[in-house]
């Protein structure tokens, strides 16, 4: 029979530390056990990463064993830190080592020369080819490059038939290698892709051909001859092109000043 609300209630006091029914016991924290657990997990992670790295990295400069569709390891894209060449001819680095890295360094520096303003003048183009071209291929290369810098191309850039800009304007053509990779490599031949950014146009007040940026990739075939890497064939493809940054374009005077004040570089893989 239920008791009315006005009847006294009976209370039962449990001993201290004796949990009531339906309530889990309160566990005291154990900091030492927690610390040991964290240390074990961190140690296992370090060991796993070390094993993964040792298994994926190949010999320095080769990039290791590649699986189809897999991204190359860091060693394949990182600079080696080797000293750039110290000898030049017509302002272009020469005397590259007979190695895969030497071929990539040669291709990067030759890309700079091939994308420079001198290539748009017949005399400058001749000096560049005499410096970087394989003597057995120089005739064919000269014909291709002369056509690439023909009158219609020069006029489209705002230059006269000799490759000269209008008075009071500065013709800008600079190429900067972003990176290089080897397509094929053998004892005396190599084919190297050089990904480049470039600036081309006329800098100065009232220019109708303002300086613009572009991205392209040179594919440069090289032949080891005469104790150096020389160009035997080349082609150019557009891209890869990144998204443009949200930046304000420089004025004509700023571009002119930058071109006149900032020098170029020699590149080494």
Protein backbone atom coordinates (compact mmCIF):
# COMPACT_ATOMS: atom_id res chain seq x y z
CA UNK A 1 0.00 0.00 0.00
CA UNK A 2 1.58 3.38 -0.99
CA UNK A 3 2.43 5.74 1.78
CA UNK A 4 0.91 9.20 1.85
CA UNK A 5 3.24 12.17 1.36
CA UNK A 6 2.92 13.29 4.96
CA UNK A 7 4.46 10.07 6.34
CA UNK A 8 8.13 10.23 7.43
CA UNK A 9 10.68 8.83 4.97
CA UNK A 10 13.46 6.42 5.88
CA UNK A 11 17.00 7.33 4.79
CA UNK A 12 19.78 4.80 4.34
CA UNK A 13 23.37 6.10 4.64
CA UNK A 14 25.89 4.12 2.66
CA UNK A 15 29.49 3.75 3.79
CA UNK A 16 32.00 6.17 2.28
CA UNK A 17 33.50 4.71 -0.88
CA UNK A 18 30.66 2.24 -1.37
CA UNK A 19 28.90 3.32 -4.58
CA UNK A 20 25.16 3.22 -4.76
CA UNK A 21 23.26 1.00 -7.10
CA UNK A 22 23.31 2.09 -10.75
CA UNK A 23 26.27 4.49 -10.37
CA UNK A 24 29.72 3.54 -11.73
CA UNK A 25 32.65 3.78 -9.40
CA UNK A 26 34.76 6.91 -9.69
CA UNK A 27 38.24 6.00 -10.99
CA UNK A 28 41.18 8.00 -9.81
CA UNK A 29 43.35 9.43 -12.60
CA UNK A 30 46.70 7.74 -13.18
CA UNK A 31 49.06 10.31 -14.79
CA UNK A 32 51.98 7.88 -15.05
CA UNK A 33 49.98 5.35 -17.08
CA UNK A 34 48.68 8.13 -19.41
CA UNK A 35 52.21 9.47 -20.00
CA UNK A 36 53.55 6.01 -20.81
CA UNK A 37 50.70 5.42 -23.29
CA UNK A 38 51.45 8.71 -25.12
CA UNK A 39 55.18 7.90 -25.32
CA UNK A 40 54.49 4.46 -26.78
CA UNK A 41 52.17 5.89 -29.48
CA UNK A 42 54.69 8.60 -30.47
CA UNK A 43 57.52 6.05 -30.66
CA UNK A 44 55.48 3.77 -32.92
CA UNK A 45 54.67 6.68 -35.22
CA UNK A 46 58.34 7.69 -35.53
CA UNK A 47 59.36 4.11 -36.32
CA UNK A 48 56.62 3.79 -38.96
CA UNK A 49 57.61 7.04 -40.68
CA UNK A 50 61.29 6.02 -40.70
CA UNK A 51 60.48 2.67 -42.30
CA UNK A 52 58.28 4.32 -44.94
CA UNK A 53 60.98 6.88 -45.85
CA UNK A 54 63.76 4.29 -46.05
CA UNK A 55 61.65 2.17 -48.37
CA UNK A 56 60.60 4.96 -50.77
CA UNK A 57 63.76 7.06 -51.14
CA UNK A 58 66.14 5.97 -53.86
CA UNK A 59 69.75 7.05 -54.41
CA UNK A 60 70.37 10.76 -54.35
CA UNK A 61 69.60 12.42 -57.66
CA UNK A 62 67.67 9.50 -59.10
CA UNK A 63 64.37 9.90 -57.27
CA UNK A 64 64.12 6.21 -56.30
CA UNK A 65 61.78 3.60 -57.73
CA UNK A 66 58.65 5.15 -59.17
CA UNK A 67 55.24 3.55 -59.43
CA UNK A 68 52.94 4.56 -62.30
CA UNK A 69 50.87 7.57 -61.29
CA UNK A 70 52.72 8.04 -58.00
CA UNK A 71 54.14 11.43 -56.99
CA UNK A 72 57.97 11.56 -57.00
CA UNK A 73 59.77 11.67 -53.66
CA UNK A 74 61.16 14.97 -52.39
CA UNK A 75 64.66 14.12 -53.61
CA UNK A 76 63.45 14.20 -57.21
CA UNK A 77 62.43 17.86 -57.04
CA UNK A 78 64.77 19.32 -54.41
CA UNK A 79 67.87 21.23 -55.52
CA UNK A 80 71.14 19.35 -54.95
CA UNK A 81 73.16 22.38 -53.90
CA UNK A 82 75.99 21.62 -56.34
CA UNK A 83 78.08 24.60 -57.39
CA UNK A 84 76.94 26.22 -60.66
CA UNK A 85 79.34 26.35 -63.58
CA UNK A 86 81.95 29.08 -63.41
CA UNK A 87 82.84 29.36 -67.11
CA UNK A 88 80.83 31.31 -69.68
CA UNK A 89 80.73 31.95 -73.39
CA UNK A 90 78.83 34.95 -74.78
CA UNK A 91 77.35 35.42 -71.30
CA UNK A 92 75.93 31.87 -71.17
CA UNK A 93 77.14 29.27 -68.67
CA UNK A 94 79.18 26.46 -70.21
CA UNK A 95 81.25 23.51 -69.02
CA UNK A 96 78.57 21.32 -67.46
CA UNK A 97 79.44 17.90 -66.00
CA UNK A 98 78.70 14.75 -67.97
CA UNK A 99 75.92 13.69 -65.60
CA UNK A 100 72.14 13.73 -65.52
CA UNK A 101 72.23 16.74 -63.19
CA UNK A 102 74.69 18.43 -65.52
CA UNK A 103 72.25 17.95 -68.39
CA UNK A 104 69.42 19.50 -66.35
CA UNK A 105 71.60 22.48 -65.38
CA UNK A 106 72.58 23.01 -69.01
CA UNK A 107 68.95 22.83 -70.16
CA UNK A 108 67.84 25.35 -67.53
CA UNK A 109 70.51 27.88 -68.51
CA UNK A 110 69.93 27.33 -72.22
CA UNK A 111 66.20 27.96 -71.67
CA UNK A 112 67.07 31.38 -70.24
CA UNK A 113 69.11 32.21 -73.34
CA UNK A 114 66.47 30.87 -75.74
CA UNK A 115 63.81 33.03 -74.07
CA UNK A 116 65.90 36.22 -73.94
CA UNK A 117 65.58 39.43 -75.94
CA UNK A 118 68.70 38.65 -78.01
CA UNK A 119 66.84 35.79 -79.69
CA UNK A 120 64.71 38.33 -81.57
CA UNK A 121 67.74 39.86 -83.33
CA UNK A 122 69.60 37.95 -86.02
CA UNK A 123 73.07 38.73 -84.65
CA UNK A 124 72.11 37.85 -81.07
CA UNK A 125 70.40 34.65 -82.21
CA UNK A 126 73.55 33.63 -84.06
CA UNK A 127 75.75 34.14 -80.97
CA UNK A 128 73.40 32.10 -78.80
CA UNK A 129 73.27 29.22 -81.28
CA UNK A 130 77.05 29.21 -81.68
CA UNK A 131 77.30 28.84 -77.89
CA UNK A 132 74.62 26.30 -77.02
CA UNK A 133 73.93 24.28 -80.19
CA UNK A 134 75.41 20.96 -81.23
CA UNK A 135 77.55 21.77 -84.32
CA UNK A 136 75.88 18.88 -86.15
CA UNK A 137 72.43 20.40 -85.52
CA UNK A 138 73.09 24.13 -85.66
CA UNK A 139 71.91 24.50 -89.28
CA UNK A 140 68.51 22.95 -88.62
CA UNK A 141 68.06 24.87 -85.38
CA UNK A 142 68.92 28.15 -87.08
CA UNK A 143 66.23 27.60 -89.70
CA UNK A 144 63.57 26.82 -87.09
CA UNK A 145 64.46 29.76 -84.86
CA UNK A 146 64.77 32.22 -87.76
CA UNK A 147 61.23 31.29 -88.75
CA UNK A 148 60.04 31.62 -85.14
CA UNK A 149 61.36 35.18 -85.09
CA UNK A 150 60.17 36.12 -88.58
CA UNK A 151 58.82 39.54 -89.65
CA UNK A 152 55.21 38.75 -88.75
CA UNK A 153 56.21 37.64 -85.24
CA UNK A 154 58.40 40.71 -84.71
CA UNK A 155 55.64 43.03 -85.91
CA UNK A 156 53.21 41.36 -83.51
CA UNK A 157 55.59 42.21 -80.67
CA UNK A 158 55.89 45.83 -81.79
CA UNK A 159 59.45 45.41 -83.13
CA UNK A 160 60.88 46.37 -86.51
CA UNK A 161 62.25 43.87 -89.02
CA UNK A 162 65.61 43.82 -87.20
CA UNK A 163 64.11 43.14 -83.79
CA UNK A 164 64.50 46.69 -82.48
CA UNK A 165 61.80 48.42 -80.37
CA UNK A 166 60.40 51.89 -81.09
CA UNK A 167 62.25 54.90 -79.70
CA UNK A 168 61.78 55.46 -75.94
CA UNK A 169 60.46 51.94 -75.40
CA UNK A 170 62.30 48.94 -73.92
CA UNK A 171 61.72 45.46 -75.31
CA UNK A 172 61.41 42.93 -72.49
CA UNK A 173 61.82 39.19 -72.95
CA UNK A 174 62.93 37.23 -69.91
CA UNK A 175 62.56 33.57 -69.09
CA UNK A 176 62.89 32.13 -65.59
CA UNK A 177 63.12 28.34 -65.06
CA UNK A 178 60.72 27.11 -62.37
CA UNK A 179 62.02 23.54 -62.46
CA UNK A 180 63.39 20.79 -64.67
CA UNK A 181 63.01 17.04 -65.08
CA UNK A 182 64.69 14.41 -67.18
CA UNK A 183 62.66 12.62 -69.84
CA UNK A 184 65.47 10.36 -71.03
CA UNK A 185 69.14 10.07 -70.19
CA UNK A 186 71.99 8.00 -71.63
CA UNK A 187 75.77 8.20 -71.78
CA UNK A 188 75.89 11.01 -74.34
CA UNK A 189 72.26 12.09 -74.86
CA UNK A 190 69.52 13.55 -72.70
CA UNK A 191 66.08 15.05 -73.10
CA UNK A 192 65.07 17.55 -70.42
CA UNK A 193 61.81 19.43 -69.78
CA UNK A 194 62.21 22.92 -68.31
CA UNK A 195 59.08 24.55 -66.90
CA UNK A 196 59.36 28.34 -67.28
CA UNK A 197 57.71 31.64 -66.46
CA UNK A 198 58.35 34.53 -68.81
CA UNK A 199 57.76 38.24 -69.40
CA UNK A 200 57.41 39.66 -72.89
CA UNK A 201 56.38 43.06 -74.25
CA UNK A 202 57.32 46.71 -74.65
CA UNK A 203 57.90 48.71 -71.47
CA UNK A 204 57.52 52.48 -71.45
CA UNK A 205 54.99 55.24 -71.72
CA UNK A 206 52.41 54.91 -74.51
CA UNK A 207 53.31 51.27 -75.18
CA UNK A 208 50.68 49.43 -77.20
CA UNK A 209 52.29 46.07 -76.36
CA UNK A 210 52.54 46.08 -72.55
CA UNK A 211 54.67 43.51 -70.76
CA UNK A 212 52.67 40.37 -69.98
CA UNK A 213 53.49 37.13 -68.15
CA UNK A 214 53.25 33.65 -69.64
CA UNK A 215 54.04 30.04 -68.73
CA UNK A 216 55.45 27.33 -70.97
CA UNK A 217 57.69 24.26 -71.03
CA UNK A 218 60.80 23.84 -73.15
CA UNK A 219 61.69 20.30 -74.18
CA UNK A 220 65.41 20.39 -74.93
CA UNK A 221 67.33 17.48 -76.45
CA UNK A 222 71.03 17.52 -75.56
CA UNK A 223 74.11 15.80 -76.96
CA UNK A 224 77.40 15.43 -75.11
CA UNK A 225 79.97 16.75 -77.56
CA UNK A 226 83.21 18.68 -77.28
CA UNK A 227 83.27 18.16 -73.50
CA UNK A 228 79.89 19.83 -72.87
CA UNK A 229 76.14 19.41 -73.25
CA UNK A 230 74.84 21.03 -76.44
CA UNK A 231 71.32 21.46 -77.84
CA UNK A 232 70.44 19.09 -80.67
CA UNK A 233 66.69 19.77 -80.82
CA UNK A 234 64.03 21.73 -78.96
CA UNK A 235 60.32 22.40 -78.80
CA UNK A 236 57.98 24.49 -76.67
CA UNK A 237 54.53 23.84 -75.24
CA UNK A 238 52.22 26.18 -73.33
CA UNK A 239 51.73 25.68 -69.58
CA UNK A 240 51.25 24.44 -66.98
CA UNK A 241 49.67 27.78 -66.03
CA UNK A 242 48.79 28.58 -62.38
CA UNK A 243 45.91 30.83 -61.42
CA UNK A 244 46.89 34.52 -61.52
CA UNK A 245 47.31 36.30 -58.20
CA UNK A 246 45.03 39.16 -57.22
CA UNK A 247 47.73 41.81 -57.55
CA UNK A 248 47.82 45.24 -59.08
CA UNK A 249 49.92 45.45 -62.25
CA UNK A 250 53.01 47.64 -62.13
CA UNK A 251 53.22 50.85 -64.12
CA UNK A 252 55.23 51.08 -67.31
CA UNK A 253 58.00 53.02 -65.51
CA UNK A 254 58.18 50.43 -62.72
CA UNK A 255 58.56 47.59 -65.20
CA UNK A 256 61.23 49.47 -67.14
CA UNK A 257 63.15 50.23 -63.96
CA UNK A 258 62.92 46.64 -62.75
CA UNK A 259 64.23 45.23 -66.02
CA UNK A 260 67.16 47.63 -65.99
CA UNK A 261 68.04 47.10 -62.31
CA UNK A 262 67.46 43.38 -61.66
CA UNK A 263 70.00 41.01 -63.15
CA UNK A 264 69.49 37.40 -64.15
CA UNK A 265 70.90 34.16 -62.72
CA UNK A 266 72.77 31.06 -63.71
CA UNK A 267 71.00 27.87 -62.72
CA UNK A 268 72.25 24.55 -61.41
CA UNK A 269 70.19 21.48 -60.69
